[in-house]
């Protein structure tokens, strides 16, 4: 078996990329005058990223448990 450990946190580049995308959506919403549509998009993308992060942590935890068995 491999003794390599899984990373616990996502790289900071991913967080920066998500922040840039969310800022771009808000900027586009302000420029086009569709504020509510832009806020809805930001909320949906933010929740999706958060749920994916929780799923990633679940997978890492399950792998850690399996490695200890």
Protein backbone atom coordinates (compact mmCIF):
# COMPACT_ATOMS: atom_id res chain seq x y z
CA UNK A 1 0.00 0.00 0.00
CA UNK A 2 1.03 3.55 -0.55
CA UNK A 3 1.87 5.72 2.43
CA UNK A 4 1.04 8.90 0.56
CA UNK A 5 -1.47 11.17 2.30
CA UNK A 6 -4.24 12.99 0.51
CA UNK A 7 -4.18 16.80 0.56
CA UNK A 8 -6.54 18.28 3.14
CA UNK A 9 -7.19 21.64 1.50
CA UNK A 10 -7.76 22.75 -2.06
CA UNK A 11 -5.06 24.85 -3.70
CA UNK A 12 -5.47 28.60 -3.28
CA UNK A 13 -5.51 29.04 -7.07
CA UNK A 14 -8.92 27.37 -7.21
CA UNK A 15 -10.37 29.79 -4.67
CA UNK A 16 -8.89 32.74 -6.55
CA UNK A 17 -10.31 31.46 -9.83
CA UNK A 18 -13.78 31.08 -8.35
CA UNK A 19 -13.58 34.59 -6.89
CA UNK A 20 -12.60 36.03 -10.28
CA UNK A 21 -15.49 34.25 -12.01
CA UNK A 22 -17.99 35.45 -9.41
CA UNK A 23 -16.68 39.01 -9.68
CA UNK A 24 -16.93 38.87 -13.48
CA UNK A 25 -20.56 37.72 -13.24
CA UNK A 26 -21.41 40.57 -10.89
CA UNK A 27 -19.63 43.10 -13.11
CA UNK A 28 -21.52 41.83 -16.17
CA UNK A 29 -24.81 41.99 -14.25
CA UNK A 30 -24.12 45.59 -13.26
CA UNK A 31 -23.18 46.59 -16.81
CA UNK A 32 -26.26 45.00 -18.39
CA UNK A 33 -28.67 46.11 -15.67
CA UNK A 34 -29.74 42.57 -14.77
CA UNK A 35 -28.82 42.70 -11.12
CA UNK A 36 -31.13 39.94 -9.87
CA UNK A 37 -30.10 37.53 -12.61
CA UNK A 38 -26.44 38.19 -11.80
CA UNK A 39 -26.98 37.71 -8.07
CA UNK A 40 -28.88 34.50 -8.75
CA UNK A 41 -25.98 33.23 -10.87
CA UNK A 42 -23.44 34.12 -8.19
CA UNK A 43 -25.48 32.40 -5.49
CA UNK A 44 -25.96 29.25 -7.58
CA UNK A 45 -22.27 29.05 -8.50
CA UNK A 46 -21.21 29.77 -4.92
CA UNK A 47 -23.46 27.05 -3.52
CA UNK A 48 -22.30 24.59 -6.18
CA UNK A 49 -18.64 25.23 -5.38
CA UNK A 50 -19.32 24.88 -1.65
CA UNK A 51 -21.17 21.58 -2.14
CA UNK A 52 -18.37 20.25 -4.35
CA UNK A 53 -15.87 21.22 -1.66
CA UNK A 54 -17.89 19.34 0.98
CA UNK A 55 -18.06 16.31 -1.31
CA UNK A 56 -14.29 16.51 -1.81
CA UNK A 57 -13.77 16.52 1.95
CA UNK A 58 -16.11 13.53 2.30
CA UNK A 59 -14.09 11.58 -0.26
CA UNK A 60 -10.82 12.45 1.49
CA UNK A 61 -12.28 11.34 4.84
CA UNK A 62 -13.51 8.03 3.41
CA UNK A 63 -10.09 7.40 1.84
CA UNK A 64 -8.44 8.15 5.17
CA UNK A 65 -10.73 5.70 6.97
CA UNK A 66 -10.14 3.04 4.34
CA UNK A 67 -6.39 3.49 4.61
CA UNK A 68 -6.50 2.95 8.38
CA UNK A 69 -8.42 -0.35 8.08
